[in-house]
C-alpha atoms as a PDB file:
ATOM      1  CA  MET A   1      18.262  25.766  21.388  1.00  0.00           C
ATOM      2  CA  ARG A   2      19.449  22.235  20.650  1.00  0.00           C
ATOM      3  CA  ARG A   3      20.171  21.682  24.336  1.00  0.00           C
ATOM      4  CA  ARG A   4      16.667  22.794  25.343  1.00  0.00           C
ATOM      5  CA  ILE A   5      15.096  20.493  22.726  1.00  0.00           C
ATOM      6  CA  ALA A   6      17.226  17.564  23.897  1.00  0.00           C
ATOM      7  CA  GLU A   7      16.269  18.203  27.530  1.00  0.00           C
ATOM      8  CA  ARG A   8      12.594  18.425  26.590  1.00  0.00           C
ATOM      9  CA  VAL A   9      12.664  15.138  24.690  1.00  0.00           C
ATOM     10  CA  ALA A  10      14.593  13.416  27.497  1.00  0.00           C
ATOM     11  CA  ALA A  11      12.062  14.622  30.065  1.00  0.00           C
ATOM     12  CA  SER A  12       9.168  13.358  27.925  1.00  0.00           C
ATOM     13  CA  LEU A  13      10.780   9.944  27.549  1.00  0.00           C
ATOM     14  CA  ALA A  14      11.420   9.779  31.286  1.00  0.00           C
ATOM     15  CA  ARG A  15       7.710  10.398  31.977  1.00  0.00           C
ATOM     16  CA  ALA A  16       6.580   7.888  29.337  1.00  0.00           C
ATOM     17  CA  THR A  17       4.782   4.763  30.504  1.00  0.00           C
ATOM     18  CA  ILE A  18       5.847   1.569  28.775  1.00  0.00           C
ATOM     19  CA  VAL A  19       2.902  -0.757  28.173  1.00  0.00           C
ATOM     20  CA  PRO A  20       3.912  -4.441  27.787  1.00  0.00           C
ATOM     21  CA  ARG A  21       2.841  -6.076  24.530  1.00  0.00           C
ATOM     22  CA  GLU A  22       0.439  -8.977  24.550  1.00  0.00           C
ATOM     23  CA  PRO A  23       2.228 -12.318  24.199  1.00  0.00           C
ATOM     24  CA  ALA A  24       2.105 -13.767  20.696  1.00  0.00           C
ATOM     25  CA  VAL A  25       1.026 -17.394  20.840  1.00  0.00           C
ATOM     26  CA  GLY A  26       0.946 -18.217  17.145  1.00  0.00           C
ATOM     27  CA  PRO A  27      -1.351 -17.807  14.114  1.00  0.00           C
ATOM     28  CA  ARG A  28      -4.500 -18.165  16.226  1.00  0.00           C
ATOM     29  CA  TRP A  29      -3.598 -15.046  18.220  1.00  0.00           C
ATOM     30  CA  ILE A  30      -2.906 -13.140  15.002  1.00  0.00           C
ATOM     31  CA  SER A  31      -6.176 -14.189  13.361  1.00  0.00           C
ATOM     32  CA  THR A  32      -8.138 -13.355  16.525  1.00  0.00           C
ATOM     33  CA  ARG A  33      -6.618  -9.883  16.632  1.00  0.00           C
ATOM     34  CA  ALA A  34      -7.283  -9.342  12.934  1.00  0.00           C
ATOM     35  CA  SER A  35     -10.914 -10.372  13.170  1.00  0.00           C
ATOM     36  CA  ALA A  36     -11.457  -7.861  15.970  1.00  0.00           C
ATOM     37  CA  LEU A  37     -10.344  -4.930  13.852  1.00  0.00           C
ATOM     38  CA  ASP A  38     -12.907  -2.731  12.172  1.00  0.00           C
ATOM     39  CA  ALA A  39     -13.595  -3.896   8.604  1.00  0.00           C
ATOM     40  CA  ARG A  40     -12.973  -0.466   7.171  1.00  0.00           C
ATOM     41  CA  ALA A  41      -9.665  -0.030   8.981  1.00  0.00           C
ATOM     42  CA  THR A  42      -8.361  -3.466   7.999  1.00  0.00           C
ATOM     43  CA  SER A  43      -8.453  -2.535   4.312  1.00  0.00           C
ATOM     44  CA  ARG A  44      -5.661  -0.065   4.966  1.00  0.00           C
ATOM     45  CA  ALA A  45      -2.333  -0.323   6.746  1.00  0.00           C
ATOM     46  CA  MET A  46      -1.887   1.547  10.008  1.00  0.00           C
ATOM     47  CA  ARG A  47       1.359   3.412  10.577  1.00  0.00           C
ATOM     48  CA  THR A  48       2.400   5.361  13.660  1.00  0.00           C
ATOM     49  CA  THR A  49       4.359   8.585  13.975  1.00  0.00           C
ATOM     50  CA  PHE A  50       5.176  10.599  17.066  1.00  0.00           C
ATOM     51  CA  ALA A  51       4.232  14.239  17.647  1.00  0.00           C
ATOM     52  CA  MET A  52       5.170  16.623  20.467  1.00  0.00           C
ATOM     53  CA  ARG A  53       2.157  17.622  22.536  1.00  0.00           C
ATOM     54  CA  ALA A  54       1.674  21.128  23.923  1.00  0.00           C
ATOM     55  CA  ASP A  55       2.731  19.939  27.387  1.00  0.00           C
ATOM     56  CA  GLY A  56       6.007  18.594  26.028  1.00  0.00           C
ATOM     57  CA  THR A  57       5.102  14.882  26.034  1.00  0.00           C
ATOM     58  CA  LEU A  58       5.362  12.607  23.031  1.00  0.00           C
ATOM     59  CA  GLY A  59       2.131  11.229  21.639  1.00  0.00           C
ATOM     60  CA  ALA A  60       1.451   8.547  19.035  1.00  0.00           C
ATOM     61  CA  ARG A  61      -0.465   9.557  15.938  1.00  0.00           C
ATOM     62  CA  ALA A  62      -1.778   7.000  13.442  1.00  0.00           C
ATOM     63  CA  TYR A  63      -2.488   7.531   9.783  1.00  0.00           C
ATOM     64  CA  VAL A  64      -3.607   5.239   6.982  1.00  0.00           C
ATOM     65  CA  VAL A  65      -2.457   4.611   3.459  1.00  0.00           C
ATOM     66  CA  GLY A  66      -3.728   2.417   0.628  1.00  0.00           C
ATOM     67  CA  GLN A  67      -4.517  -1.256   1.062  1.00  0.00           C
ATOM     68  CA  MET A  68      -1.304  -2.866   2.312  1.00  0.00           C
ATOM     69  CA  VAL A  69      -2.686  -5.412   4.781  1.00  0.00           C
ATOM     70  CA  HIS A  70      -3.881  -8.662   3.233  1.00  0.00           C
ATOM     71  CA  ARG A  71      -7.162 -10.256   4.264  1.00  0.00           C
ATOM     72  CA  ASP A  72      -8.188 -13.550   2.653  1.00  0.00           C
ATOM     73  CA  THR A  73     -11.211 -13.449   0.339  1.00  0.00           C
ATOM     74  CA  PRO A  74     -12.673 -16.157  -1.912  1.00  0.00           C
ATOM     75  CA  GLU A  75     -11.011 -14.450  -4.890  1.00  0.00           C
ATOM     76  CA  ASP A  76      -7.663 -13.741  -3.201  1.00  0.00           C
ATOM     77  CA  ASN A  77      -6.076 -16.302  -0.872  1.00  0.00           C
ATOM     78  CA  SER A  78      -3.026 -18.551  -0.698  1.00  0.00           C
ATOM     79  CA  SER A  79      -4.924 -21.678  -1.795  1.00  0.00           C
ATOM     80  CA  LEU A  80      -5.490 -20.324  -5.327  1.00  0.00           C
ATOM     81  CA  THR A  81      -3.065 -20.747  -8.221  1.00  0.00           C
ATOM     82  CA  TRP A  82      -2.269 -18.483 -11.153  1.00  0.00           C
ATOM     83  CA  ALA A  83       0.037 -18.551 -14.169  1.00  0.00           C
ATOM     84  CA  PHE A  84       0.895 -16.432 -17.180  1.00  0.00           C
ATOM     85  CA  ASP A  85      -1.063 -17.171 -20.349  1.00  0.00           C
ATOM     86  CA  GLU A  86       0.733 -18.903 -23.196  1.00  0.00           C
ATOM     87  CA  SER A  87       0.577 -15.657 -25.168  1.00  0.00           C
ATOM     88  CA  ALA A  88       2.438 -13.840 -22.366  1.00  0.00           C
ATOM     89  CA  LYS A  89       5.242 -16.382 -21.931  1.00  0.00           C
ATOM     90  CA  PRO A  90       7.377 -14.967 -24.789  1.00  0.00           C
ATOM     91  CA  LYS A  91       7.195 -11.577 -23.028  1.00  0.00           C
ATOM     92  CA  VAL A  92       8.232 -13.214 -19.750  1.00  0.00           C
ATOM     93  CA  ASP A  93      11.221 -14.863 -21.435  1.00  0.00           C
ATOM     94  CA  ALA A  94      12.193 -11.587 -23.098  1.00  0.00           C
ATOM     95  CA  ILE A  95      12.106  -9.770 -19.756  1.00  0.00           C
ATOM     96  CA  LEU A  96      14.219 -12.427 -18.040  1.00  0.00           C
ATOM     97  CA  LYS A  97      16.838 -12.297 -20.800  1.00  0.00           C
ATOM     98  CA  ARG A  98      17.548  -8.652 -19.978  1.00  0.00           C
ATOM     99  CA  TYR A  99      19.281  -9.642 -16.753  1.00  0.00           C
ATOM    100  CA  PRO A 100      22.060 -12.090 -15.755  1.00  0.00           C
ATOM    101  CA  SER A 101      20.779 -15.371 -14.309  1.00  0.00           C
ATOM    102  CA  ASN A 102      22.149 -14.486 -10.855  1.00  0.00           C
ATOM    103  CA  TYR A 103      20.186 -11.190 -10.937  1.00  0.00           C
ATOM    104  CA  LYS A 104      16.807 -12.556 -11.963  1.00  0.00           C
ATOM    105  CA  ARG A 105      15.088 -10.587  -9.195  1.00  0.00           C
ATOM    106  CA  SER A 106      15.847  -7.432 -11.185  1.00  0.00           C
ATOM    107  CA  ALA A 107      12.963  -8.506 -13.444  1.00  0.00           C
ATOM    108  CA  MET A 108      10.482  -8.275 -10.573  1.00  0.00           C
ATOM    109  CA  ILE A 109       8.854  -4.946 -11.433  1.00  0.00           C
ATOM    110  CA  PRO A 110       8.332  -5.615 -15.171  1.00  0.00           C
ATOM    111  CA  LEU A 111       6.981  -9.105 -14.390  1.00  0.00           C
ATOM    112  CA  LEU A 112       4.584  -7.707 -11.798  1.00  0.00           C
ATOM    113  CA  ASP A 113       3.438  -5.124 -14.330  1.00  0.00           C
ATOM    114  CA  LEU A 114       2.823  -7.865 -16.905  1.00  0.00           C
ATOM    115  CA  ALA A 115       0.978  -9.975 -14.326  1.00  0.00           C
ATOM    116  CA  GLN A 116      -1.217  -7.041 -13.325  1.00  0.00           C
ATOM    117  CA  GLN A 117      -2.154  -6.394 -16.950  1.00  0.00           C
ATOM    118  CA  GLN A 118      -3.256 -10.012 -17.343  1.00  0.00           C
ATOM    119  CA  ASN A 119      -5.107 -10.067 -14.012  1.00  0.00           C
ATOM    120  CA  ASP A 120      -7.586  -7.258 -14.716  1.00  0.00           C
ATOM    121  CA  GLY A 121      -5.463  -4.473 -13.232  1.00  0.00           C
ATOM    122  CA  HIS A 122      -4.631  -5.818  -9.778  1.00  0.00           C
ATOM    123  CA  LEU A 123      -2.325  -8.281  -8.032  1.00  0.00           C
ATOM    124  CA  THR A 124      -3.514 -11.193  -5.914  1.00  0.00           C
ATOM    125  CA  LEU A 125      -1.495 -13.497  -3.684  1.00  0.00           C
ATOM    126  CA  ALA A 126      -1.519 -16.106  -6.451  1.00  0.00           C
ATOM    127  CA  THR A 127      -0.068 -13.715  -9.046  1.00  0.00           C
ATOM    128  CA  MET A 128       2.660 -12.521  -6.685  1.00  0.00           C
ATOM    129  CA  ASN A 129       3.505 -16.077  -5.629  1.00  0.00           C
ATOM    130  CA  HIS A 130       3.873 -17.089  -9.272  1.00  0.00           C
ATOM    131  CA  VAL A 131       6.274 -14.209  -9.918  1.00  0.00           C
ATOM    132  CA  ALA A 132       8.258 -15.310  -6.855  1.00  0.00           C
ATOM    133  CA  GLU A 133       8.505 -18.840  -8.272  1.00  0.00           C
ATOM    134  CA  ILE A 134       9.804 -17.561 -11.606  1.00  0.00           C
ATOM    135  CA  LEU A 135      12.411 -15.351  -9.937  1.00  0.00           C
ATOM    136  CA  GLU A 136      13.310 -17.997  -7.339  1.00  0.00           C
ATOM    137  CA  VAL A 137      12.886 -15.642  -4.403  1.00  0.00           C
ATOM    138  CA  ALA A 138      10.850 -15.772  -1.211  1.00  0.00           C
ATOM    139  CA  PRO A 139       7.255 -14.534  -1.776  1.00  0.00           C
ATOM    140  CA  ILE A 140       7.761 -11.809   0.844  1.00  0.00           C
ATOM    141  CA  ARG A 141      10.299 -10.142  -1.484  1.00  0.00           C
ATOM    142  CA  VAL A 142       7.582  -9.770  -4.112  1.00  0.00           C
ATOM    143  CA  TYR A 143       5.003  -8.605  -1.550  1.00  0.00           C
ATOM    144  CA  GLU A 144       7.391  -5.857  -0.423  1.00  0.00           C
ATOM    145  CA  VAL A 145       7.719  -4.461  -3.945  1.00  0.00           C
ATOM    146  CA  ALA A 146       4.024  -4.819  -4.819  1.00  0.00           C
ATOM    147  CA  THR A 147       2.934  -2.909  -1.717  1.00  0.00           C
ATOM    148  CA  PHE A 148       5.601  -0.217  -1.978  1.00  0.00           C
ATOM    149  CA  TYR A 149       4.898   1.159  -5.461  1.00  0.00           C
ATOM    150  CA  SER A 150       1.560   2.899  -6.066  1.00  0.00           C
ATOM    151  CA  MET A 151       1.498   1.651  -9.665  1.00  0.00           C
ATOM    152  CA  PHE A 152       0.594  -1.805  -8.334  1.00  0.00           C
ATOM    153  CA  ASN A 153      -2.942  -2.393  -7.089  1.00  0.00           C
ATOM    154  CA  ARG A 154      -3.770  -4.926  -4.386  1.00  0.00           C
ATOM    155  CA  GLN A 155      -7.499  -4.705  -4.886  1.00  0.00           C
ATOM    156  CA  LYS A 156      -9.728  -4.846  -7.927  1.00  0.00           C
ATOM    157  CA  MET A 157      -9.869  -1.481  -9.625  1.00  0.00           C
ATOM    158  CA  GLY A 158     -12.532   0.259 -11.651  1.00  0.00           C
ATOM    159  CA  LYS A 159     -12.313   0.706 -15.398  1.00  0.00           C
ATOM    160  CA  LEU A 160     -11.147   4.294 -14.830  1.00  0.00           C
ATOM    161  CA  HIS A 161      -8.670   5.087 -12.036  1.00  0.00           C
ATOM    162  CA  VAL A 162      -9.214   8.669 -10.831  1.00  0.00           C
ATOM    163  CA  MET A 163      -6.316   9.934  -8.698  1.00  0.00           C
ATOM    164  CA  VAL A 164      -5.992  13.291  -6.950  1.00  0.00           C
ATOM    165  CA  CYS A 165      -2.608  14.598  -5.843  1.00  0.00           C
ATOM    166  CA  GLY A 166      -2.148  14.794  -2.084  1.00  0.00           C
ATOM    167  CA  THR A 167       1.106  16.741  -1.861  1.00  0.00           C
ATOM    168  CA  THR A 168       1.315  20.096  -0.077  1.00  0.00           C
ATOM    169  CA  PRO A 169       1.564  22.289  -3.237  1.00  0.00           C
ATOM    170  CA  CYS A 170      -1.542  20.648  -4.707  1.00  0.00           C
ATOM    171  CA  MET A 171      -3.425  20.981  -1.416  1.00  0.00           C
ATOM    172  CA  LEU A 172      -2.644  24.698  -1.424  1.00  0.00           C
ATOM    173  CA  ARG A 173      -4.135  24.886  -4.907  1.00  0.00           C
ATOM    174  CA  GLY A 174      -7.371  23.204  -3.824  1.00  0.00           C
ATOM    175  CA  SER A 175      -6.838  19.476  -4.394  1.00  0.00           C
ATOM    176  CA  ARG A 176      -8.769  18.585  -1.236  1.00  0.00           C
ATOM    177  CA  ASP A 177     -11.837  20.410  -2.543  1.00  0.00           C
ATOM    178  CA  ILE A 178     -11.537  18.509  -5.824  1.00  0.00           C
ATOM    179  CA  GLU A 179     -11.180  15.210  -3.961  1.00  0.00           C
ATOM    180  CA  LYS A 180     -14.233  16.000  -1.819  1.00  0.00           C
ATOM    181  CA  ALA A 181     -16.315  16.900  -4.881  1.00  0.00           C
ATOM    182  CA  LEU A 182     -15.313  13.675  -6.655  1.00  0.00           C
ATOM    183  CA  SER A 183     -16.050  11.635  -3.540  1.00  0.00           C
ATOM    184  CA  GLU A 184     -19.529  13.127  -3.174  1.00  0.00           C
ATOM    185  CA  TYR A 185     -20.287  12.765  -6.889  1.00  0.00           C
ATOM    186  CA  MET A 186     -19.138   9.125  -7.088  1.00  0.00           C
ATOM    187  CA  GLY A 187     -20.505   8.138  -3.685  1.00  0.00           C
ATOM    188  CA  VAL A 188     -17.224   6.525  -2.580  1.00  0.00           C
ATOM    189  CA  GLU A 189     -14.307   7.309  -0.304  1.00  0.00           C
ATOM    190  CA  LYS A 190     -10.598   7.146  -1.156  1.00  0.00           C
ATOM    191  CA  PHE A 191      -9.408   3.724  -2.368  1.00  0.00           C
ATOM    192  CA  GLU A 192     -12.982   2.613  -3.027  1.00  0.00           C
ATOM    193  CA  THR A 193     -14.676   1.648  -6.302  1.00  0.00           C
ATOM    194  CA  THR A 194     -18.149   2.640  -7.467  1.00  0.00           C
ATOM    195  CA  LYS A 195     -20.810  -0.063  -7.431  1.00  0.00           C
ATOM    196  CA  CYS A 196     -20.949  -0.038 -11.229  1.00  0.00           C
ATOM    197  CA  GLY A 197     -17.239  -0.840 -11.343  1.00  0.00           C
ATOM    198  CA  THR A 198     -16.411   2.162 -13.534  1.00  0.00           C
ATOM    199  CA  PHE A 199     -14.435   4.463 -11.222  1.00  0.00           C
ATOM    200  CA  THR A 200     -11.878   3.984  -8.448  1.00  0.00           C
ATOM    201  CA  LEU A 201     -10.933   7.055  -6.403  1.00  0.00           C
ATOM    202  CA  ALA A 202      -7.390   7.243  -5.051  1.00  0.00           C
ATOM    203  CA  ARG A 203      -4.619   9.627  -4.073  1.00  0.00           C
ATOM    204  CA  TRP A 204      -1.171  10.011  -5.585  1.00  0.00           C
ATOM    205  CA  SER A 205       1.839  12.336  -5.485  1.00  0.00           C
ATOM    206  CA  ALA A 206       2.531  14.680  -8.386  1.00  0.00           C
ATOM    207  CA  TRP A 207       6.163  15.188  -7.290  1.00  0.00           C
ATOM    208  CA  ASP A 208       5.651  18.925  -6.777  1.00  0.00           C
ATOM    209  CA  VAL A 209       4.715  19.532 -10.403  1.00  0.00           C
ATOM    210  CA  ALA A 210       2.058  21.973  -9.234  1.00  0.00           C
ATOM    211  CA  SER A 211       4.618  24.103  -7.401  1.00  0.00           C
ATOM    212  CA  THR A 212       6.621  24.650 -10.578  1.00  0.00           C
ATOM    213  CA  ARG A 213       3.707  25.859 -12.699  1.00  0.00           C
ATOM    214  CA  ARG A 214       2.884  29.503 -13.159  1.00  0.00           C
END
Protein backbone atom coordinates (compact mmCIF):
# COMPACT_ATOMS: atom_id res chain seq x y z
CA MET A 1 0.00 0.00 0.00
CA ARG A 2 2.74 2.44 0.97
CA ARG A 3 4.63 1.63 -2.22
CA ARG A 4 1.57 2.31 -4.39
CA ILE A 5 0.96 5.64 -2.62
CA ALA A 6 4.60 6.64 -3.06
CA GLU A 7 4.50 5.74 -6.76
CA ARG A 8 1.28 7.70 -7.22
CA VAL A 9 2.70 10.81 -5.56
CA ALA A 10 5.95 10.53 -7.55
CA ALA A 11 4.01 10.25 -10.80
CA SER A 12 1.92 13.31 -9.92
CA LEU A 13 5.02 15.35 -9.13
CA ALA A 14 6.63 14.25 -12.38
CA ARG A 15 3.61 15.51 -14.35
CA ALA A 16 3.45 18.80 -12.41
CA THR A 17 4.18 22.01 -14.28
CA ILE A 18 6.36 24.48 -12.42
CA VAL A 19 5.26 28.07 -13.04
CA PRO A 20 8.05 30.64 -12.47
CA ARG A 21 7.27 33.33 -9.89
CA GLU A 22 7.09 36.95 -10.91
CA PRO A 23 10.29 38.83 -10.08
CA ALA A 24 10.07 40.93 -6.92
CA VAL A 25 11.36 44.42 -7.61
CA GLY A 26 10.75 46.03 -4.23
CA PRO A 27 7.91 47.63 -2.23
CA ARG A 28 6.27 49.06 -5.36
CA TRP A 29 5.72 45.55 -6.75
CA ILE A 30 4.28 44.41 -3.42
CA SER A 31 1.91 47.38 -3.13
CA THR A 32 0.79 46.96 -6.75
CA ARG A 33 -0.01 43.30 -6.15
CA ALA A 34 -1.85 44.10 -2.93
CA SER A 35 -3.99 46.78 -4.52
CA ALA A 36 -5.08 44.33 -7.21
CA LEU A 37 -6.49 41.87 -4.71
CA ASP A 38 -10.19 41.82 -3.99
CA ALA A 39 -11.04 43.99 -0.97
CA ARG A 40 -12.92 41.21 0.74
CA ALA A 41 -10.12 38.69 0.28
CA THR A 42 -7.41 41.05 1.52
CA SER A 43 -9.03 41.23 4.96
CA ARG A 44 -8.12 37.59 5.47
CA ALA A 45 -4.92 35.63 5.01
CA MET A 46 -4.75 33.08 2.22
CA ARG A 47 -3.16 29.72 2.95
CA THR A 48 -2.63 26.84 0.55
CA THR A 49 -2.89 23.11 1.10
CA PHE A 50 -2.56 20.28 -1.39
CA ALA A 51 -5.22 17.66 -2.12
CA MET A 52 -5.09 14.54 -4.30
CA ARG A 53 -7.42 14.80 -7.28
CA ALA A 54 -9.42 11.85 -8.59
CA ASP A 55 -6.97 11.43 -11.48
CA GLY A 56 -4.05 11.15 -9.08
CA THR A 57 -2.61 14.65 -9.58
CA LEU A 58 -1.93 17.10 -6.78
CA GLY A 59 -4.01 20.25 -6.72
CA ALA A 60 -3.71 23.43 -4.66
CA ARG A 61 -6.62 24.36 -2.44
CA ALA A 62 -6.85 27.74 -0.70
CA TYR A 63 -8.71 28.56 2.47
CA VAL A 64 -9.03 31.70 4.57
CA VAL A 65 -8.75 32.46 8.24
CA GLY A 66 -9.25 35.60 10.32
CA GLN A 67 -7.63 38.91 9.47
CA MET A 68 -3.88 38.25 9.41
CA VAL A 69 -2.81 40.45 6.50
CA HIS A 70 -2.29 44.11 7.36
CA ARG A 71 -3.62 46.88 5.14
CA ASP A 72 -2.96 50.50 6.13
CA THR A 73 -5.98 52.56 7.18
CA PRO A 74 -6.17 56.08 8.63
CA GLU A 75 -6.69 54.53 12.08
CA ASP A 76 -4.06 51.80 11.76
CA ASN A 77 -0.72 52.50 10.06
CA SER A 78 2.97 52.70 10.91
CA SER A 79 3.00 56.51 11.11
CA LEU A 80 0.82 56.56 14.24
CA THR A 81 2.13 56.33 17.80
CA TRP A 82 0.64 54.78 20.92
CA ALA A 83 1.62 54.36 24.56
CA PHE A 84 0.24 52.90 27.76
CA ASP A 85 -1.72 55.30 29.97
CA GLU A 86 -0.12 56.47 33.20
CA SER A 87 -2.65 54.37 35.11
CA ALA A 88 -1.49 51.23 33.26
CA LYS A 89 2.25 51.74 33.77
CA PRO A 90 2.30 50.16 37.26
CA LYS A 91 0.70 47.06 35.70
CA VAL A 92 3.34 47.06 32.96
CA ASP A 93 6.13 47.25 35.55
CA ALA A 94 4.54 44.47 37.59
CA ILE A 95 4.35 42.22 34.52
CA LEU A 96 7.97 42.87 33.58
CA LYS A 97 9.16 42.07 37.11
CA ARG A 98 7.84 38.52 36.76
CA TYR A 99 10.63 37.64 34.35
CA PRO A 100 14.45 37.95 34.33
CA SER A 101 15.75 40.95 32.37
CA ASN A 102 17.25 38.67 29.70
CA TYR A 103 13.82 37.02 29.20
CA LYS A 104 11.71 40.16 28.87
CA ARG A 105 10.02 38.77 25.75
CA SER A 106 8.25 36.28 28.01
CA ALA A 107 6.02 39.21 29.02
CA MET A 108 4.76 39.63 25.45
CA ILE A 109 1.36 37.96 25.80
CA PRO A 110 0.31 39.69 29.06
CA LEU A 111 1.49 43.06 27.70
CA LEU A 112 -0.45 42.54 24.47
CA ASP A 113 -3.51 41.64 26.52
CA LEU A 114 -3.12 44.83 28.57
CA ALA A 115 -2.62 46.89 25.41
CA GLN A 116 -5.72 45.40 23.81
CA GLN A 117 -7.81 46.24 26.87
CA GLN A 118 -6.69 49.87 26.68
CA ASN A 119 -7.17 50.07 22.90
CA ASP A 120 -10.89 49.24 22.77
CA GLY A 121 -10.44 45.50 22.29
CA HIS A 122 -8.08 45.33 19.32
CA LEU A 123 -4.41 45.71 18.43
CA THR A 124 -3.07 48.20 15.90
CA LEU A 125 0.43 48.49 14.46
CA ALA A 126 1.14 51.30 16.92
CA THR A 127 0.18 49.22 19.96
CA MET A 128 2.24 46.25 18.81
CA ASN A 129 5.23 48.45 17.98
CA HIS A 130 5.09 49.97 21.46
CA VAL A 131 5.11 46.52 23.06
CA ALA A 132 8.11 45.64 20.88
CA GLU A 133 9.94 48.74 22.14
CA ILE A 134 9.29 47.82 25.77
CA LEU A 135 10.49 44.25 25.26
CA GLU A 136 13.42 45.31 23.06
CA VAL A 137 12.55 42.90 20.27
CA ALA A 138 11.93 43.30 16.56
CA PRO A 139 8.29 44.30 15.83
CA ILE A 140 7.84 41.17 13.69
CA ARG A 141 8.20 39.05 16.85
CA VAL A 142 5.16 40.80 18.32
CA TYR A 143 3.21 40.58 15.05
CA GLU A 144 3.78 36.81 14.99
CA VAL A 145 2.27 36.35 18.44
CA ALA A 146 -0.62 38.79 17.90
CA THR A 147 -1.70 37.04 14.69
CA PHE A 148 -1.26 33.51 16.02
CA TYR A 149 -3.55 33.60 19.07
CA SER A 150 -7.29 34.07 18.49
CA MET A 151 -7.62 35.99 21.76
CA PHE A 152 -5.96 38.97 20.05
CA ASN A 153 -8.01 40.99 17.58
CA ARG A 154 -6.44 42.84 14.65
CA GLN A 155 -9.58 44.73 13.77
CA LYS A 156 -12.06 46.75 15.78
CA MET A 157 -14.57 44.48 17.45
CA GLY A 158 -18.18 44.94 18.44
CA LYS A 159 -19.30 45.37 22.03
CA LEU A 160 -20.30 41.69 22.08
CA HIS A 161 -18.08 39.07 20.41
CA VAL A 162 -20.23 36.14 19.25
CA MET A 163 -18.13 33.07 18.37
CA VAL A 164 -19.33 29.73 17.01
CA CYS A 165 -17.17 26.63 17.26
CA GLY A 166 -15.89 25.32 13.94
CA THR A 167 -14.44 21.97 15.00
CA THR A 168 -15.71 18.69 13.56
CA PRO A 169 -17.65 17.53 16.69
CA CYS A 170 -19.51 20.85 16.85
CA MET A 171 -20.24 20.77 13.12
CA LEU A 172 -21.78 17.32 13.57
CA ARG A 173 -24.00 18.79 16.28
CA GLY A 174 -25.23 21.60 14.02
CA SER A 175 -22.83 24.50 14.58
CA ARG A 176 -22.94 25.48 10.91
CA ASP A 177 -26.71 25.90 11.08
CA ILE A 178 -26.29 28.09 14.16
CA GLU A 179 -23.61 30.15 12.42
CA LYS A 180 -25.83 30.59 9.35
CA ALA A 181 -28.79 31.68 11.48
CA LEU A 182 -26.65 34.22 13.36
CA SER A 183 -25.19 35.52 10.10
CA GLU A 184 -28.63 36.03 8.56
CA TYR A 185 -30.03 37.62 11.72
CA MET A 186 -27.11 40.04 12.17
CA GLY A 187 -26.66 40.74 8.47
CA VAL A 188 -22.90 40.08 8.56
CA GLU A 189 -20.47 37.36 7.54
CA LYS A 190 -17.75 35.76 9.68
CA PHE A 191 -15.21 38.23 11.09
CA GLU A 192 -17.50 41.17 10.36
CA THR A 193 -19.16 43.63 12.75
CA THR A 194 -22.72 44.92 12.61
CA LYS A 195 -23.21 48.51 11.49
CA CYS A 196 -24.38 49.48 14.97
CA GLY A 197 -21.09 48.23 16.40
CA THR A 198 -22.78 45.87 18.87
CA PHE A 199 -21.94 42.40 17.53
CA THR A 200 -18.93 40.78 15.86
CA LEU A 201 -19.40 37.28 14.43
CA ALA A 202 -16.41 34.95 14.47
CA ARG A 203 -15.37 31.32 14.67
CA TRP A 204 -13.35 29.56 17.35
CA SER A 205 -12.34 26.07 18.45
CA ALA A 206 -13.95 24.49 21.50
CA TRP A 207 -11.14 21.91 21.83
CA ASP A 208 -13.54 19.00 21.32
CA VAL A 209 -15.61 19.87 24.38
CA ALA A 210 -18.74 18.98 22.43
CA SER A 211 -17.49 15.46 21.75
CA THR A 212 -17.13 14.73 25.46
CA ARG A 213 -20.65 15.78 26.42
CA ARG A 214 -23.51 13.34 26.71
